[in-house]
């Protein structure tokens, strides 16, 4: 699934992405570290993997979207 980076805190390595429908979804340190990223800037397109459904969706991996 694709999303857009919305917020990112480099101290906690967590933040939020916006899904294409505008829904914000938070990600935690574990999801950020799983993707191997060192930095994330708001507006970057990212690829995410999730588990759960509806309001219980949790991001398990976040990495940069590549073509």
Protein backbone atom coordinates (compact mmCIF):
# COMPACT_ATOMS: atom_id res chain seq x y z
CA UNK A 1 0.00 0.00 0.00
CA UNK A 2 1.19 3.54 -0.68
CA UNK A 3 0.88 6.66 1.45
CA UNK A 4 2.43 10.09 1.96
CA UNK A 5 4.64 10.93 4.94
CA UNK A 6 2.79 13.48 7.06
CA UNK A 7 4.76 13.85 10.30
CA UNK A 8 8.03 12.42 11.54
CA UNK A 9 9.89 12.83 14.85
CA UNK A 10 13.58 11.91 14.44
CA UNK A 11 14.02 11.54 18.22
CA UNK A 12 11.38 8.81 18.55
CA UNK A 13 11.54 7.63 14.90
CA UNK A 14 7.74 7.64 14.74
CA UNK A 15 5.08 9.72 13.05
CA UNK A 16 2.06 9.58 10.76
CA UNK A 17 1.32 8.93 7.11
CA UNK A 18 -1.69 10.00 5.10
CA UNK A 19 -3.43 7.33 3.08
CA UNK A 20 -4.60 8.34 -0.39
CA UNK A 21 -8.09 9.00 0.99
CA UNK A 22 -6.62 11.48 3.51
CA UNK A 23 -6.84 9.20 6.55
CA UNK A 24 -3.91 9.72 8.96
CA UNK A 25 -2.35 6.52 10.28
CA UNK A 26 0.42 6.54 12.92
CA UNK A 27 3.57 4.45 12.73
CA UNK A 28 5.86 3.52 15.60
CA UNK A 29 9.60 3.07 16.00
CA UNK A 30 9.44 -0.65 15.19
CA UNK A 31 7.73 0.01 11.82
CA UNK A 32 10.25 2.72 10.95
CA UNK A 33 13.24 0.55 11.91
CA UNK A 34 11.84 -2.43 9.93
CA UNK A 35 12.05 -0.37 6.74
CA UNK A 36 15.73 0.48 7.17
CA UNK A 37 15.20 4.22 6.73
CA UNK A 38 17.42 6.83 8.37
CA UNK A 39 15.21 9.88 7.78
CA UNK A 40 11.75 10.72 6.51
CA UNK A 41 10.54 14.08 5.22
CA UNK A 42 6.89 15.16 5.11
CA UNK A 43 5.53 14.82 1.57
CA UNK A 44 7.63 11.81 0.59
CA UNK A 45 5.75 8.91 -0.96
CA UNK A 46 6.18 5.77 1.08
CA UNK A 47 5.25 2.13 0.88
CA UNK A 48 3.65 0.66 3.97
CA UNK A 49 2.67 -2.78 5.14
CA UNK A 50 -0.19 -3.04 7.61
CA UNK A 51 -2.06 -5.52 9.73
CA UNK A 52 -5.56 -5.29 11.11
CA UNK A 53 -8.62 -3.55 9.68
CA UNK A 54 -10.64 -0.38 10.11
CA UNK A 55 -9.70 1.65 13.16
CA UNK A 56 -7.34 -1.11 14.30
CA UNK A 57 -4.94 -0.79 11.32
CA UNK A 58 -1.32 -0.86 12.43
CA UNK A 59 1.68 -0.10 10.21
CA UNK A 60 4.30 -2.83 10.49
CA UNK A 61 6.78 -1.49 7.91
CA UNK A 62 7.41 1.85 6.26
CA UNK A 63 9.92 2.42 3.47
CA UNK A 64 10.36 4.75 0.50
CA UNK A 65 8.24 4.13 -2.58
CA UNK A 66 10.42 3.32 -5.59
CA UNK A 67 9.38 2.91 -9.19
